[in-house]
Amino acid sequence: MFDPKAIDDIASRLAGAVPPGLNNLKEDLEKNFHAILQGALGKLDLVTREEFEVQKLVLAKTRSKLEDLEKRVSEMELNVLNKAEM
C-alpha cells in the first residue's frame, strides 16, 4: 500500500528536524515517528498510483460508453416521436 522506504525517509527527516540539544533522543524519536506514520497511513484507504491509473482508464471508457448510449437513446426517442407524428 504505502512504500516503507517513503515512511523511513519521512521519519528520518522529522528526526533530523530535532534541535541539536536533543540529539541523544534522535534515534528514539525516529523509531517513534516511523511507528506513528506507519500506523496512521495504514488506517487510510490508499491505493497505488498504478491502481489509480487503471481505474481512471476504466472510468474514461465507461463514460464514453455512457455518452454513446445516451446518444443512441436520444436518436431512438426521436425516431419514435417522428413515427408517431406520421
Protein backbone atom coordinates (compact mmCIF):
# COMPACT_ATOMS: atom_id res chain seq x y z
CA MET A 1 0.00 0.00 0.00
CA PHE A 2 2.43 2.72 1.17
CA ASP A 3 6.11 2.45 0.37
CA PRO A 4 8.04 1.56 3.57
CA LYS A 5 11.06 3.40 2.19
CA ALA A 6 9.00 6.59 1.98
CA ILE A 7 7.93 6.15 5.61
CA ASP A 8 11.58 5.70 6.61
CA ASP A 9 12.50 8.85 4.68
CA ILE A 10 9.78 10.94 6.33
CA ALA A 11 10.68 9.61 9.79
CA SER A 12 14.36 10.44 9.17
CA ARG A 13 13.52 13.96 8.03
CA LEU A 14 11.33 14.53 11.08
CA ALA A 15 14.09 13.25 13.36
CA GLY A 16 16.57 15.46 11.51
CA ALA A 17 14.45 18.48 12.41
CA VAL A 18 15.01 17.79 16.11
CA PRO A 19 17.01 20.61 17.77
CA PRO A 20 20.71 19.79 18.27
CA GLY A 21 20.32 19.75 22.06
CA LEU A 22 18.07 16.69 21.77
CA ASN A 23 20.35 14.58 19.56
CA ASN A 24 20.52 11.87 22.22
CA LEU A 25 16.77 11.34 21.67
CA LYS A 26 17.01 11.44 17.88
CA GLU A 27 17.14 7.65 17.34
CA ASP A 28 14.21 7.02 19.67
CA LEU A 29 12.21 9.80 18.05
CA GLU A 30 12.91 8.42 14.60
CA LYS A 31 11.63 4.98 15.65
CA ASN A 32 8.54 6.56 17.23
CA PHE A 33 7.92 8.72 14.16
CA HIS A 34 8.21 5.63 11.98
CA ALA A 35 5.71 3.67 14.08
CA ILE A 36 3.25 6.57 14.22
CA LEU A 37 3.45 7.21 10.49
CA GLN A 38 3.07 3.55 9.63
CA GLY A 39 0.06 3.22 11.92
CA ALA A 40 -1.63 6.39 10.66
CA LEU A 41 -1.02 5.64 7.00
CA GLY A 42 -2.10 2.02 7.48
CA LYS A 43 -5.53 3.23 8.61
CA LEU A 44 -6.03 5.25 5.44
CA ASP A 45 -7.76 3.70 2.47
CA LEU A 46 -4.98 4.35 -0.05
CA VAL A 47 -4.40 2.91 -3.50
CA THR A 48 -1.22 2.76 -5.52
CA ARG A 49 -0.66 5.11 -8.45
CA GLU A 50 -0.94 2.10 -10.77
CA GLU A 51 -4.35 1.13 -9.35
CA PHE A 52 -5.48 4.74 -9.63
CA GLU A 53 -4.42 4.98 -13.28
CA VAL A 54 -6.18 1.70 -14.14
CA GLN A 55 -9.41 2.94 -12.53
CA LYS A 56 -9.05 6.27 -14.33
CA LEU A 57 -8.93 4.42 -17.66
CA VAL A 58 -11.91 2.26 -16.72
CA LEU A 59 -13.87 5.39 -15.78
CA ALA A 60 -12.99 7.11 -19.07
CA LYS A 61 -14.08 4.04 -21.05
CA THR A 62 -17.32 3.79 -19.05
CA ARG A 63 -18.03 7.49 -19.54
CA SER A 64 -17.50 7.13 -23.30
CA LYS A 65 -19.89 4.16 -23.46
CA LEU A 66 -22.46 6.06 -21.42
CA GLU A 67 -22.28 9.04 -23.78
CA ASP A 68 -22.72 6.71 -26.77
CA LEU A 69 -25.74 5.05 -25.14
CA GLU A 70 -27.29 8.41 -24.29
CA LYS A 71 -26.90 9.46 -27.92
CA ARG A 72 -28.49 6.21 -29.16
CA VAL A 73 -31.43 6.56 -26.76
CA SER A 74 -32.00 10.15 -27.91
CA GLU A 75 -31.98 9.02 -31.54
CA MET A 76 -34.43 6.22 -30.75
CA GLU A 77 -36.74 8.64 -28.93
CA LEU A 78 -36.66 10.99 -31.93
CA ASN A 79 -37.49 8.10 -34.26
CA VAL A 80 -40.44 7.08 -32.10
CA LEU A 81 -41.72 10.67 -31.97
CA ASN A 82 -41.32 11.08 -35.74
CA LYS A 83 -43.20 7.84 -36.42
CA ALA A 84 -45.97 8.84 -34.01
CA GLU A 85 -46.46 12.13 -35.84
CA MET A 86 -46.88 10.37 -39.22
